[in-house]
N, C-alpha and C. Protein backbone atom coordinates (compact mmCIF):
# COMPACT_ATOMS: atom_id res chain seq x y z
N MET A 1 179.36 80.00 20.76
CA MET A 1 180.33 80.53 21.79
C MET A 1 180.67 79.28 22.58
N LYS A 2 182.08 79.16 22.74
CA LYS A 2 182.61 78.08 23.60
C LYS A 2 183.56 78.66 24.57
N ALA A 3 183.67 77.96 25.73
CA ALA A 3 184.52 78.42 26.84
C ALA A 3 185.09 77.25 27.58
N LYS A 4 185.98 77.48 28.46
CA LYS A 4 186.45 76.44 29.34
C LYS A 4 186.56 77.06 30.75
N VAL A 5 186.68 76.28 31.76
CA VAL A 5 186.76 76.70 33.17
C VAL A 5 188.06 77.58 33.23
N GLY A 6 187.87 78.74 33.86
CA GLY A 6 188.98 79.71 34.02
C GLY A 6 188.88 80.87 33.03
N ASP A 7 188.18 80.64 31.99
CA ASP A 7 187.93 81.84 31.03
C ASP A 7 187.03 82.86 31.75
N ARG A 8 187.02 84.03 31.16
CA ARG A 8 186.21 85.13 31.72
C ARG A 8 185.01 85.43 30.74
N LEU A 9 183.83 85.61 31.32
CA LEU A 9 182.74 86.02 30.55
C LEU A 9 182.50 87.53 30.67
N HIS A 10 182.62 88.29 29.63
CA HIS A 10 182.51 89.73 29.56
C HIS A 10 181.19 90.08 28.97
N VAL A 11 180.24 90.66 29.77
CA VAL A 11 178.94 91.08 29.25
C VAL A 11 179.07 92.62 29.12
N HIS A 12 178.96 93.02 27.88
CA HIS A 12 179.05 94.44 27.60
C HIS A 12 177.74 95.17 27.83
N GLY A 13 177.86 96.46 28.26
CA GLY A 13 176.61 97.27 28.48
C GLY A 13 175.96 97.50 27.09
N ARG A 14 174.69 97.46 27.05
CA ARG A 14 173.98 97.68 25.80
C ARG A 14 173.51 99.13 25.53
N THR A 15 173.48 99.85 26.63
CA THR A 15 173.06 101.27 26.42
C THR A 15 174.08 102.13 27.23
N VAL A 16 174.00 103.42 26.87
CA VAL A 16 174.84 104.40 27.65
C VAL A 16 174.55 104.30 29.09
N GLY A 17 175.60 104.20 29.96
CA GLY A 17 175.41 104.20 31.35
C GLY A 17 175.34 102.77 31.92
N ASP A 18 175.12 101.74 31.06
CA ASP A 18 175.09 100.39 31.56
C ASP A 18 176.51 100.01 32.06
N VAL A 19 176.58 99.28 33.11
CA VAL A 19 177.94 98.77 33.53
C VAL A 19 178.25 97.52 32.82
N GLU A 20 179.51 97.24 32.59
CA GLU A 20 179.92 95.99 32.06
C GLU A 20 180.21 95.02 33.16
N LYS A 21 179.86 93.75 32.96
CA LYS A 21 180.06 92.76 33.96
C LYS A 21 181.17 91.74 33.43
N VAL A 22 182.10 91.42 34.31
CA VAL A 22 183.11 90.40 33.93
C VAL A 22 183.15 89.43 35.15
N GLY A 23 183.02 88.16 34.80
CA GLY A 23 183.09 87.17 35.85
C GLY A 23 183.92 85.91 35.33
N GLU A 24 184.35 85.10 36.20
CA GLU A 24 185.09 83.85 35.88
C GLU A 24 184.16 82.74 35.69
N ILE A 25 184.38 82.02 34.60
CA ILE A 25 183.60 80.81 34.32
C ILE A 25 184.16 79.68 35.20
N VAL A 26 183.25 79.17 36.11
CA VAL A 26 183.73 78.16 37.05
C VAL A 26 183.18 76.74 36.71
N GLU A 27 182.17 76.71 35.92
CA GLU A 27 181.63 75.43 35.36
C GLU A 27 181.04 75.68 33.94
N VAL A 28 181.27 74.66 33.09
CA VAL A 28 180.63 74.70 31.76
C VAL A 28 179.63 73.54 31.73
N HIS A 29 178.37 73.85 31.42
CA HIS A 29 177.34 72.83 31.56
C HIS A 29 176.91 72.26 30.19
N GLY A 30 177.35 72.91 29.11
CA GLY A 30 176.94 72.45 27.79
C GLY A 30 177.98 71.50 27.21
N PRO A 31 177.59 70.79 26.20
CA PRO A 31 178.57 69.86 25.53
C PRO A 31 179.60 70.63 24.77
N ASP A 32 180.84 70.12 24.81
CA ASP A 32 181.95 70.70 24.08
C ASP A 32 182.22 72.18 24.36
N GLY A 33 182.01 72.59 25.62
CA GLY A 33 182.28 73.99 25.99
C GLY A 33 181.26 74.99 25.68
N THR A 34 180.07 74.51 25.41
CA THR A 34 178.95 75.49 25.03
C THR A 34 178.16 75.85 26.27
N PRO A 35 177.33 76.99 26.24
CA PRO A 35 176.58 77.37 27.30
C PRO A 35 175.56 76.28 27.75
N PRO A 36 174.98 76.42 28.98
CA PRO A 36 175.20 77.48 29.95
C PRO A 36 176.48 77.41 30.72
N PHE A 37 176.91 78.59 31.29
CA PHE A 37 178.06 78.63 32.09
C PHE A 37 177.73 79.06 33.51
N LEU A 38 178.34 78.50 34.52
CA LEU A 38 178.22 78.98 35.88
C LEU A 38 179.33 80.03 36.02
N VAL A 39 178.95 81.26 36.32
CA VAL A 39 179.87 82.42 36.39
C VAL A 39 180.00 82.95 37.81
N LYS A 40 181.21 83.18 38.23
CA LYS A 40 181.39 83.79 39.65
C LYS A 40 181.92 85.21 39.37
N TYR A 41 181.22 86.19 39.92
CA TYR A 41 181.59 87.58 39.77
C TYR A 41 182.49 88.01 40.99
N PRO A 42 183.18 89.11 40.84
CA PRO A 42 184.15 89.55 41.84
C PRO A 42 183.52 89.70 43.26
N ASP A 43 182.24 90.04 43.29
CA ASP A 43 181.57 90.25 44.61
C ASP A 43 181.19 88.93 45.26
N GLY A 44 181.53 87.72 44.60
CA GLY A 44 181.22 86.47 45.16
C GLY A 44 179.93 85.87 44.65
N HIS A 45 179.13 86.64 43.98
CA HIS A 45 177.87 86.16 43.44
C HIS A 45 178.07 85.12 42.26
N GLU A 46 177.34 84.05 42.30
CA GLU A 46 177.46 83.03 41.26
C GLU A 46 176.05 82.90 40.55
N THR A 47 176.09 82.76 39.23
CA THR A 47 174.84 82.58 38.51
C THR A 47 175.03 81.74 37.30
N LEU A 48 174.05 81.08 36.87
CA LEU A 48 174.04 80.32 35.62
C LEU A 48 173.68 81.24 34.53
N VAL A 49 174.56 81.29 33.49
CA VAL A 49 174.39 82.32 32.44
C VAL A 49 174.22 81.60 31.03
N PHE A 50 173.25 81.99 30.30
CA PHE A 50 173.11 81.69 28.85
C PHE A 50 173.41 83.00 28.15
N PRO A 51 174.71 83.19 27.70
CA PRO A 51 175.13 84.51 27.19
C PRO A 51 174.36 84.84 25.91
N GLY A 52 174.15 86.13 25.81
CA GLY A 52 173.48 86.70 24.61
C GLY A 52 174.57 87.31 23.66
N PRO A 53 174.11 88.03 22.64
CA PRO A 53 174.98 88.64 21.67
C PRO A 53 175.88 89.74 22.21
N ASP A 54 175.54 90.23 23.44
CA ASP A 54 176.30 91.25 24.04
C ASP A 54 177.47 90.72 24.93
N ALA A 55 177.72 89.44 24.85
CA ALA A 55 178.71 88.84 25.72
C ALA A 55 179.85 88.23 24.89
N THR A 56 181.05 88.21 25.42
CA THR A 56 182.22 87.64 24.80
C THR A 56 183.01 86.77 25.81
N VAL A 57 183.64 85.65 25.34
CA VAL A 57 184.49 84.90 26.20
C VAL A 57 185.88 85.27 25.99
N GLU A 58 186.59 85.56 27.14
CA GLU A 58 188.01 85.93 27.01
C GLU A 58 188.84 84.93 27.82
N GLY A 59 190.09 84.83 27.48
CA GLY A 59 191.01 83.97 28.17
C GLY A 59 191.13 84.38 29.67
N PRO A 60 191.73 83.52 30.46
CA PRO A 60 191.85 83.87 31.85
C PRO A 60 192.62 85.16 32.11
N ALA A 61 192.30 85.80 33.22
CA ALA A 61 193.04 87.07 33.56
C ALA A 61 194.48 86.73 33.82
N GLU A 62 195.32 87.74 33.52
CA GLU A 62 196.78 87.57 33.80
C GLU A 62 196.96 87.38 35.29
N GLY A 63 197.92 86.51 35.64
CA GLY A 63 198.20 86.20 36.99
C GLY A 63 197.43 85.07 37.66
N THR A 64 196.57 84.44 36.85
CA THR A 64 195.69 83.36 37.39
C THR A 64 196.31 82.06 36.83
N ALA A 65 196.03 81.00 37.54
CA ALA A 65 196.49 79.67 37.07
C ALA A 65 195.59 79.17 35.88
N ASP A 66 196.13 78.44 35.08
CA ASP A 66 195.40 77.85 33.90
C ASP A 66 194.63 76.62 34.34
C-alpha cells in the first residue's frame, strides 16, 4: 500500500454495524509512500496508522488542493 500527503485513508467496517472511518493522510513516514501514515480525521483527531487489509487509500477528496 502506497500513499501521498493529501490522499484519504478509508478503513472499512469489518462487521455489521461497524462504522467506516475516513481521514486525510497528513504525513507519510515510510519509504516511497509506504506506511505508517499520520492520519487526521474530520473531528480533528490525529493518529499514526499502520493500515490493515480492511483499509484502502483513495485520492484526495473533490474540492481540495493537490
